[in-house]
Amino acid sequence: MAGGAPLAERARASVGRLHRPQPEIREALSVLVDAIGRLEQDLVDLRVQHLFREHGIEPSLHDVVIGGDGIRLQEGPWKDGASHTVVFSLPDVGGGQWFSLPCVVAHDDMGVELMFTDLSDDLRDTLVGFVFRTQAKERRRELDTLTRARS
């Protein structure tokens, strides 16, 4: 970030003001703006991880499925019924906002679920909205792939 607004936002606004550039140029600029945005988010993530480590917390990355009631993982070292705090961020939600939520561990045949124990209705709505948007993007990608395969 420089001067307040993230560089990716400023670059995206500048690209939007271009008067009818050729499609190839607009596409290239769009890819560059997306890359800048991803690098900015990576920098924020590294800063947060550094802060965790300064406070004696070792962050770990997991592939997860998030829902309105909790987070599901394939496996984890936690015991059933144990209380923990899960810290995570969601892409495209709150400008890289981090969430810190209490949860309880439950194992089942599908893996491990970290069930949120103290979740406001507003935050649950935010999580459910994120899940729906993510599913819609995945369906559009699948449809695009099918459409290209038929062409």
N, C-alpha and C. Protein backbone atom coordinates (compact mmCIF):
# COMPACT_ATOMS: atom_id res chain seq x y z
N MET A 1 0.84 -1.18 0.00
CA MET A 1 0.00 0.00 0.00
C MET A 1 0.88 1.23 0.00
N ALA A 2 0.42 2.21 -0.73
CA ALA A 2 1.13 3.48 -0.75
C ALA A 2 0.10 4.60 -0.74
N GLY A 3 0.25 5.52 0.17
CA GLY A 3 -0.66 6.66 0.21
C GLY A 3 -2.10 6.29 0.54
N GLY A 4 -2.35 5.27 1.33
CA GLY A 4 -3.70 4.94 1.76
C GLY A 4 -4.29 3.75 1.02
N ALA A 5 -4.82 3.97 -0.16
CA ALA A 5 -5.49 2.90 -0.90
C ALA A 5 -4.47 1.89 -1.43
N PRO A 6 -4.84 0.60 -1.41
CA PRO A 6 -3.93 -0.40 -1.97
C PRO A 6 -3.60 -0.07 -3.43
N LEU A 7 -2.37 -0.39 -3.82
CA LEU A 7 -1.93 -0.11 -5.19
C LEU A 7 -2.81 -0.80 -6.22
N ALA A 8 -3.26 -2.01 -5.92
CA ALA A 8 -4.10 -2.74 -6.88
C ALA A 8 -5.39 -1.98 -7.15
N GLU A 9 -6.00 -1.41 -6.11
CA GLU A 9 -7.23 -0.63 -6.30
C GLU A 9 -6.97 0.60 -7.15
N ARG A 10 -5.87 1.28 -6.86
CA ARG A 10 -5.53 2.48 -7.63
C ARG A 10 -5.24 2.13 -9.09
N ALA A 11 -4.52 1.01 -9.32
CA ALA A 11 -4.21 0.58 -10.68
C ALA A 11 -5.47 0.16 -11.42
N ARG A 12 -6.37 -0.55 -10.73
CA ARG A 12 -7.62 -0.99 -11.35
C ARG A 12 -8.45 0.22 -11.78
N ALA A 13 -8.50 1.25 -10.93
CA ALA A 13 -9.23 2.47 -11.28
C ALA A 13 -8.60 3.15 -12.50
N SER A 14 -7.27 3.17 -12.55
CA SER A 14 -6.58 3.78 -13.71
C SER A 14 -6.87 3.03 -14.98
N VAL A 15 -6.85 1.71 -14.93
CA VAL A 15 -7.16 0.90 -16.11
C VAL A 15 -8.59 1.15 -16.56
N GLY A 16 -9.50 1.29 -15.60
CA GLY A 16 -10.90 1.54 -15.93
C GLY A 16 -11.12 2.87 -16.64
N ARG A 17 -10.22 3.82 -16.44
CA ARG A 17 -10.35 5.13 -17.08
C ARG A 17 -9.76 5.17 -18.49
N LEU A 18 -9.07 4.12 -18.91
CA LEU A 18 -8.51 4.09 -20.26
C LEU A 18 -9.63 4.13 -21.29
N HIS A 19 -9.40 4.88 -22.35
CA HIS A 19 -10.42 5.00 -23.38
C HIS A 19 -10.26 3.89 -24.41
N ARG A 20 -11.07 2.88 -24.32
CA ARG A 20 -11.15 1.78 -25.28
C ARG A 20 -9.80 1.21 -25.72
N PRO A 21 -9.01 0.71 -24.79
CA PRO A 21 -7.75 0.08 -25.24
C PRO A 21 -8.06 -1.23 -25.97
N GLN A 22 -7.11 -1.69 -26.73
CA GLN A 22 -7.27 -2.96 -27.43
C GLN A 22 -7.50 -4.06 -26.40
N PRO A 23 -8.31 -5.08 -26.75
CA PRO A 23 -8.62 -6.14 -25.78
C PRO A 23 -7.38 -6.82 -25.21
N GLU A 24 -6.34 -7.00 -26.01
CA GLU A 24 -5.13 -7.65 -25.52
C GLU A 24 -4.44 -6.80 -24.46
N ILE A 25 -4.45 -5.49 -24.67
CA ILE A 25 -3.82 -4.59 -23.69
C ILE A 25 -4.63 -4.58 -22.41
N ARG A 26 -5.97 -4.49 -22.53
CA ARG A 26 -6.82 -4.51 -21.33
C ARG A 26 -6.62 -5.80 -20.55
N GLU A 27 -6.53 -6.93 -21.26
CA GLU A 27 -6.32 -8.23 -20.60
C GLU A 27 -4.98 -8.26 -19.87
N ALA A 28 -3.92 -7.79 -20.54
CA ALA A 28 -2.59 -7.77 -19.91
C ALA A 28 -2.58 -6.88 -18.68
N LEU A 29 -3.19 -5.72 -18.78
CA LEU A 29 -3.26 -4.82 -17.63
C LEU A 29 -4.06 -5.44 -16.49
N SER A 30 -5.13 -6.12 -16.82
CA SER A 30 -5.95 -6.77 -15.80
C SER A 30 -5.16 -7.84 -15.06
N VAL A 31 -4.39 -8.62 -15.79
CA VAL A 31 -3.55 -9.66 -15.17
C VAL A 31 -2.51 -9.02 -14.25
N LEU A 32 -1.90 -7.94 -14.69
CA LEU A 32 -0.91 -7.25 -13.86
C LEU A 32 -1.54 -6.68 -12.59
N VAL A 33 -2.71 -6.09 -12.72
CA VAL A 33 -3.40 -5.54 -11.55
C VAL A 33 -3.74 -6.66 -10.56
N ASP A 34 -4.23 -7.80 -11.07
CA ASP A 34 -4.52 -8.94 -10.19
C ASP A 34 -3.26 -9.42 -9.48
N ALA A 35 -2.12 -9.44 -10.20
CA ALA A 35 -0.86 -9.87 -9.59
C ALA A 35 -0.44 -8.90 -8.48
N ILE A 36 -0.60 -7.62 -8.71
CA ILE A 36 -0.27 -6.62 -7.69
C ILE A 36 -1.15 -6.85 -6.46
N GLY A 37 -2.44 -7.07 -6.68
CA GLY A 37 -3.35 -7.33 -5.57
C GLY A 37 -2.95 -8.56 -4.77
N ARG A 38 -2.57 -9.63 -5.48
CA ARG A 38 -2.16 -10.86 -4.79
C ARG A 38 -0.88 -10.64 -3.99
N LEU A 39 0.08 -9.89 -4.56
CA LEU A 39 1.32 -9.59 -3.83
C LEU A 39 1.05 -8.74 -2.60
N GLU A 40 0.13 -7.79 -2.72
CA GLU A 40 -0.23 -6.98 -1.55
C GLU A 40 -0.85 -7.85 -0.45
N GLN A 41 -1.72 -8.78 -0.85
CA GLN A 41 -2.33 -9.67 0.14
C GLN A 41 -1.29 -10.59 0.76
N ASP A 42 -0.36 -11.09 -0.04
CA ASP A 42 0.72 -11.93 0.49
C ASP A 42 1.55 -11.17 1.52
N LEU A 43 1.81 -9.91 1.25
CA LEU A 43 2.57 -9.08 2.19
C LEU A 43 1.82 -8.92 3.51
N VAL A 44 0.52 -8.67 3.43
CA VAL A 44 -0.30 -8.57 4.65
C VAL A 44 -0.24 -9.89 5.42
N ASP A 45 -0.40 -11.01 4.71
CA ASP A 45 -0.36 -12.32 5.35
C ASP A 45 0.98 -12.56 6.05
N LEU A 46 2.08 -12.19 5.40
CA LEU A 46 3.41 -12.36 6.01
C LEU A 46 3.55 -11.51 7.26
N ARG A 47 3.02 -10.29 7.22
CA ARG A 47 3.07 -9.43 8.40
C ARG A 47 2.31 -10.05 9.56
N VAL A 48 1.13 -10.59 9.28
CA VAL A 48 0.32 -11.21 10.32
C VAL A 48 1.04 -12.44 10.88
N GLN A 49 1.60 -13.26 10.01
CA GLN A 49 2.34 -14.44 10.48
C GLN A 49 3.51 -14.03 11.35
N HIS A 50 4.20 -12.95 10.98
CA HIS A 50 5.32 -12.45 11.78
C HIS A 50 4.83 -12.00 13.16
N LEU A 51 3.69 -11.31 13.19
CA LEU A 51 3.12 -10.90 14.49
C LEU A 51 2.79 -12.10 15.36
N PHE A 52 2.20 -13.13 14.75
CA PHE A 52 1.91 -14.35 15.51
C PHE A 52 3.19 -14.91 16.14
N ARG A 53 4.23 -15.03 15.31
CA ARG A 53 5.49 -15.61 15.80
C ARG A 53 6.11 -14.76 16.90
N GLU A 54 5.98 -13.43 16.80
CA GLU A 54 6.50 -12.55 17.85
C GLU A 54 5.82 -12.82 19.19
N HIS A 55 4.57 -13.31 19.14
CA HIS A 55 3.81 -13.60 20.36
C HIS A 55 3.83 -15.09 20.71
N GLY A 56 4.75 -15.84 20.10
CA GLY A 56 4.92 -17.25 20.44
C GLY A 56 3.89 -18.18 19.83
N ILE A 57 3.18 -17.72 18.81
CA ILE A 57 2.19 -18.56 18.14
C ILE A 57 2.75 -18.96 16.78
N GLU A 58 2.84 -20.26 16.54
CA GLU A 58 3.35 -20.74 15.26
C GLU A 58 2.17 -21.02 14.34
N PRO A 59 1.98 -20.19 13.31
CA PRO A 59 0.84 -20.41 12.40
C PRO A 59 1.07 -21.66 11.55
N SER A 60 -0.02 -22.33 11.23
CA SER A 60 0.07 -23.48 10.33
C SER A 60 -1.01 -23.33 9.27
N LEU A 61 -0.67 -23.72 8.06
CA LEU A 61 -1.60 -23.62 6.94
C LEU A 61 -2.23 -24.97 6.68
N HIS A 62 -3.53 -24.96 6.43
CA HIS A 62 -4.27 -26.19 6.16
C HIS A 62 -5.23 -25.95 5.01
N ASP A 63 -5.45 -26.99 4.21
CA ASP A 63 -6.53 -26.95 3.23
C ASP A 63 -7.81 -27.21 4.00
N VAL A 64 -8.76 -26.29 3.88
CA VAL A 64 -9.98 -26.39 4.67
C VAL A 64 -11.20 -26.15 3.80
N VAL A 65 -12.34 -26.57 4.32
CA VAL A 65 -13.64 -26.23 3.76
C VAL A 65 -14.34 -25.45 4.85
N ILE A 66 -14.77 -24.24 4.51
CA ILE A 66 -15.41 -23.40 5.52
C ILE A 66 -16.90 -23.35 5.28
N GLY A 67 -17.63 -23.32 6.37
CA GLY A 67 -19.08 -23.21 6.31
C GLY A 67 -19.55 -22.22 7.35
N GLY A 68 -20.83 -22.06 7.47
CA GLY A 68 -21.39 -21.11 8.42
C GLY A 68 -21.24 -21.53 9.87
N ASP A 69 -20.98 -22.82 10.10
CA ASP A 69 -20.88 -23.32 11.47
C ASP A 69 -19.47 -23.69 11.90
N GLY A 70 -18.55 -23.77 10.94
CA GLY A 70 -17.20 -24.19 11.31
C GLY A 70 -16.32 -24.42 10.12
N ILE A 71 -15.18 -25.03 10.41
CA ILE A 71 -14.17 -25.33 9.40
C ILE A 71 -13.89 -26.82 9.42
N ARG A 72 -13.86 -27.43 8.24
CA ARG A 72 -13.57 -28.87 8.14
C ARG A 72 -12.20 -29.07 7.53
N LEU A 73 -11.43 -30.00 8.14
CA LEU A 73 -10.10 -30.37 7.67
C LEU A 73 -10.05 -31.88 7.48
N GLN A 74 -9.10 -32.33 6.67
CA GLN A 74 -8.92 -33.77 6.48
C GLN A 74 -8.43 -34.45 7.76
N GLU A 75 -7.51 -33.77 8.43
CA GLU A 75 -6.95 -34.33 9.66
C GLU A 75 -6.38 -33.22 10.51
N GLY A 76 -6.10 -33.54 11.74
CA GLY A 76 -5.52 -32.54 12.64
C GLY A 76 -5.12 -33.18 13.95
N PRO A 77 -4.23 -32.55 14.69
CA PRO A 77 -3.69 -33.13 15.92
C PRO A 77 -4.56 -32.90 17.16
N TRP A 78 -5.74 -32.32 16.98
CA TRP A 78 -6.53 -31.90 18.13
C TRP A 78 -7.42 -33.03 18.65
N LYS A 79 -7.70 -32.99 19.94
CA LYS A 79 -8.54 -34.02 20.57
C LYS A 79 -10.00 -33.60 20.54
N ASP A 80 -10.90 -34.61 20.43
CA ASP A 80 -12.34 -34.35 20.47
C ASP A 80 -12.71 -33.55 21.71
N GLY A 81 -13.54 -32.55 21.51
CA GLY A 81 -14.04 -31.75 22.62
C GLY A 81 -13.10 -30.65 23.08
N ALA A 82 -11.87 -30.63 22.54
CA ALA A 82 -10.91 -29.60 22.96
C ALA A 82 -11.35 -28.24 22.43
N SER A 83 -11.15 -27.21 23.23
CA SER A 83 -11.47 -25.84 22.82
C SER A 83 -10.22 -25.17 22.29
N HIS A 84 -10.37 -24.48 21.18
CA HIS A 84 -9.26 -23.76 20.56
C HIS A 84 -9.77 -22.44 20.00
N THR A 85 -8.84 -21.65 19.50
CA THR A 85 -9.19 -20.45 18.75
C THR A 85 -8.62 -20.61 17.36
N VAL A 86 -9.47 -20.47 16.36
CA VAL A 86 -9.03 -20.57 14.98
C VAL A 86 -8.92 -19.15 14.43
N VAL A 87 -7.82 -18.89 13.73
CA VAL A 87 -7.57 -17.57 13.14
C VAL A 87 -7.42 -17.77 11.64
N PHE A 88 -8.20 -17.00 10.87
CA PHE A 88 -8.17 -17.17 9.42
C PHE A 88 -8.61 -15.89 8.73
N SER A 89 -8.30 -15.81 7.46
CA SER A 89 -8.81 -14.71 6.64
C SER A 89 -9.50 -15.32 5.43
N LEU A 90 -10.41 -14.56 4.88
CA LEU A 90 -11.14 -15.01 3.70
C LEU A 90 -10.81 -14.08 2.55
N PRO A 91 -10.47 -14.65 1.39
CA PRO A 91 -10.21 -13.78 0.24
C PRO A 91 -11.45 -12.96 -0.10
N ASP A 92 -11.24 -11.73 -0.47
CA ASP A 92 -12.33 -10.86 -0.93
C ASP A 92 -13.35 -10.50 0.13
N VAL A 93 -13.03 -10.72 1.41
CA VAL A 93 -13.96 -10.34 2.48
C VAL A 93 -13.26 -9.37 3.41
N GLY A 94 -13.80 -8.20 3.54
CA GLY A 94 -13.29 -7.23 4.51
C GLY A 94 -11.90 -6.73 4.22
N GLY A 95 -11.48 -6.71 2.96
CA GLY A 95 -10.17 -6.19 2.63
C GLY A 95 -9.03 -6.92 3.32
N GLY A 96 -9.13 -8.23 3.40
CA GLY A 96 -8.07 -9.02 4.04
C GLY A 96 -8.22 -9.10 5.54
N GLN A 97 -9.42 -8.85 6.05
CA GLN A 97 -9.67 -8.90 7.49
C GLN A 97 -9.42 -10.31 8.02
N TRP A 98 -8.83 -10.36 9.20
CA TRP A 98 -8.59 -11.64 9.86
C TRP A 98 -9.68 -11.88 10.89
N PHE A 99 -10.08 -13.14 11.03
CA PHE A 99 -11.09 -13.53 12.00
C PHE A 99 -10.43 -14.41 13.06
N SER A 100 -10.82 -14.24 14.30
CA SER A 100 -10.34 -15.05 15.40
C SER A 100 -11.56 -15.55 16.15
N LEU A 101 -11.84 -16.86 16.04
CA LEU A 101 -13.08 -17.39 16.59
C LEU A 101 -12.83 -18.61 17.48
N PRO A 102 -13.52 -18.66 18.61
CA PRO A 102 -13.41 -19.85 19.46
C PRO A 102 -14.12 -21.02 18.78
N CYS A 103 -13.59 -22.21 18.99
CA CYS A 103 -14.19 -23.40 18.38
C CYS A 103 -13.96 -24.62 19.27
N VAL A 104 -14.73 -25.67 18.97
CA VAL A 104 -14.60 -26.96 19.64
C VAL A 104 -14.31 -28.00 18.57
N VAL A 105 -13.42 -28.94 18.87
CA VAL A 105 -13.00 -29.97 17.92
C VAL A 105 -13.95 -31.16 17.96
N ALA A 106 -14.31 -31.66 16.77
CA ALA A 106 -15.11 -32.88 16.65
C ALA A 106 -14.57 -33.70 15.48
N HIS A 107 -14.26 -34.98 15.74
CA HIS A 107 -13.81 -35.89 14.69
C HIS A 107 -14.99 -36.72 14.20
N ASP A 108 -15.00 -37.03 12.90
CA ASP A 108 -15.99 -37.96 12.35
C ASP A 108 -15.35 -38.69 11.17
N ASP A 109 -16.14 -39.44 10.43
CA ASP A 109 -15.61 -40.24 9.31
C ASP A 109 -15.00 -39.39 8.21
N MET A 110 -15.38 -38.12 8.13
CA MET A 110 -14.91 -37.25 7.05
C MET A 110 -13.69 -36.42 7.45
N GLY A 111 -13.27 -36.50 8.69
CA GLY A 111 -12.10 -35.74 9.12
C GLY A 111 -12.34 -35.04 10.44
N VAL A 112 -11.92 -33.78 10.49
CA VAL A 112 -11.99 -32.99 11.72
C VAL A 112 -12.82 -31.75 11.44
N GLU A 113 -13.72 -31.44 12.35
CA GLU A 113 -14.48 -30.19 12.23
C GLU A 113 -14.17 -29.32 13.43
N LEU A 114 -13.83 -28.07 13.14
CA LEU A 114 -13.64 -27.06 14.18
C LEU A 114 -14.93 -26.25 14.19
N MET A 115 -15.82 -26.55 15.13
CA MET A 115 -17.14 -25.93 15.18
C MET A 115 -17.08 -24.63 15.98
N PHE A 116 -17.51 -23.54 15.35
CA PHE A 116 -17.50 -22.24 16.01
C PHE A 116 -18.47 -22.27 17.19
N THR A 117 -18.04 -21.71 18.32
CA THR A 117 -18.88 -21.75 19.52
C THR A 117 -19.50 -20.41 19.88
N ASP A 118 -18.96 -19.34 19.39
CA ASP A 118 -19.49 -18.02 19.73
C ASP A 118 -19.49 -17.17 18.47
N LEU A 119 -20.55 -17.29 17.70
CA LEU A 119 -20.60 -16.66 16.38
C LEU A 119 -21.85 -15.77 16.30
N SER A 120 -21.62 -14.49 16.05
CA SER A 120 -22.75 -13.57 15.91
C SER A 120 -23.51 -13.88 14.61
N ASP A 121 -24.76 -13.47 14.57
CA ASP A 121 -25.56 -13.68 13.36
C ASP A 121 -24.94 -12.97 12.16
N ASP A 122 -24.42 -11.76 12.38
CA ASP A 122 -23.79 -11.01 11.28
C ASP A 122 -22.58 -11.73 10.72
N LEU A 123 -21.75 -12.27 11.61
CA LEU A 123 -20.55 -12.98 11.15
C LEU A 123 -20.94 -14.28 10.46
N ARG A 124 -21.95 -14.98 10.97
CA ARG A 124 -22.42 -16.20 10.31
C ARG A 124 -22.92 -15.87 8.90
N ASP A 125 -23.65 -14.76 8.76
CA ASP A 125 -24.12 -14.33 7.44
C ASP A 125 -22.95 -14.04 6.51
N THR A 126 -21.89 -13.42 7.04
CA THR A 126 -20.70 -13.13 6.24
C THR A 126 -20.06 -14.43 5.75
N LEU A 127 -19.93 -15.41 6.64
CA LEU A 127 -19.33 -16.69 6.27
C LEU A 127 -20.18 -17.43 5.24
N VAL A 128 -21.49 -17.48 5.46
CA VAL A 128 -22.39 -18.16 4.53
C VAL A 128 -22.35 -17.46 3.16
N GLY A 129 -22.33 -16.13 3.16
CA GLY A 129 -22.22 -15.38 1.90
C GLY A 129 -20.94 -15.71 1.17
N PHE A 130 -19.82 -15.81 1.90
CA PHE A 130 -18.54 -16.17 1.29
C PHE A 130 -18.64 -17.57 0.65
N VAL A 131 -19.24 -18.52 1.37
CA VAL A 131 -19.38 -19.88 0.84
C VAL A 131 -20.19 -19.88 -0.44
N PHE A 132 -21.32 -19.17 -0.45
CA PHE A 132 -22.16 -19.12 -1.65
C PHE A 132 -21.43 -18.49 -2.82
N ARG A 133 -20.71 -17.38 -2.58
CA ARG A 133 -19.96 -16.73 -3.67
C ARG A 133 -18.87 -17.65 -4.21
N THR A 134 -18.19 -18.35 -3.33
CA THR A 134 -17.14 -19.28 -3.75
C THR A 134 -17.72 -20.41 -4.59
N GLN A 135 -18.84 -20.97 -4.15
CA GLN A 135 -19.48 -22.05 -4.91
C GLN A 135 -19.94 -21.56 -6.28
N ALA A 136 -20.46 -20.34 -6.35
CA ALA A 136 -20.90 -19.78 -7.63
C ALA A 136 -19.71 -19.62 -8.58
N LYS A 137 -18.56 -19.14 -8.06
CA LYS A 137 -17.36 -19.00 -8.90
C LYS A 137 -16.91 -20.36 -9.43
N GLU A 138 -16.94 -21.38 -8.57
CA GLU A 138 -16.53 -22.72 -8.99
C GLU A 138 -17.45 -23.25 -10.09
N ARG A 139 -18.74 -23.02 -9.93
CA ARG A 139 -19.70 -23.48 -10.96
C ARG A 139 -19.47 -22.77 -12.29
N ARG A 140 -19.18 -21.45 -12.22
CA ARG A 140 -18.92 -20.70 -13.46
C ARG A 140 -17.67 -21.24 -14.14
N ARG A 141 -16.62 -21.53 -13.36
CA ARG A 141 -15.39 -22.09 -13.95
C ARG A 141 -15.67 -23.43 -14.62
N GLU A 142 -16.44 -24.28 -13.94
CA GLU A 142 -16.79 -25.57 -14.52
C GLU A 142 -17.57 -25.40 -15.82
N LEU A 143 -18.52 -24.46 -15.82
CA LEU A 143 -19.31 -24.20 -17.01
C LEU A 143 -18.43 -23.67 -18.14
N ASP A 144 -17.49 -22.76 -17.81
CA ASP A 144 -16.57 -22.24 -18.82
C ASP A 144 -15.73 -23.36 -19.41
N THR A 145 -15.27 -24.27 -18.57
CA THR A 145 -14.46 -25.40 -19.03
C THR A 145 -15.27 -26.29 -19.97
N LEU A 146 -16.51 -26.58 -19.62
CA LEU A 146 -17.37 -27.39 -20.47
C LEU A 146 -17.65 -26.70 -21.80
N THR A 147 -17.89 -25.40 -21.74
CA THR A 147 -18.17 -24.63 -22.95
C THR A 147 -16.97 -24.64 -23.89
N ARG A 148 -15.76 -24.46 -23.33
CA ARG A 148 -14.55 -24.49 -24.17
C ARG A 148 -14.31 -25.86 -24.75
N ALA A 149 -14.60 -26.91 -23.97
CA ALA A 149 -14.39 -28.28 -24.45
C ALA A 149 -15.31 -28.61 -25.63
N ARG A 150 -16.49 -28.02 -25.64
CA ARG A 150 -17.44 -28.28 -26.71
C ARG A 150 -17.12 -27.47 -27.96
N SER A 151 -16.37 -26.38 -27.81
CA SER A 151 -16.06 -25.52 -28.96
C SER A 151 -15.04 -26.12 -29.88
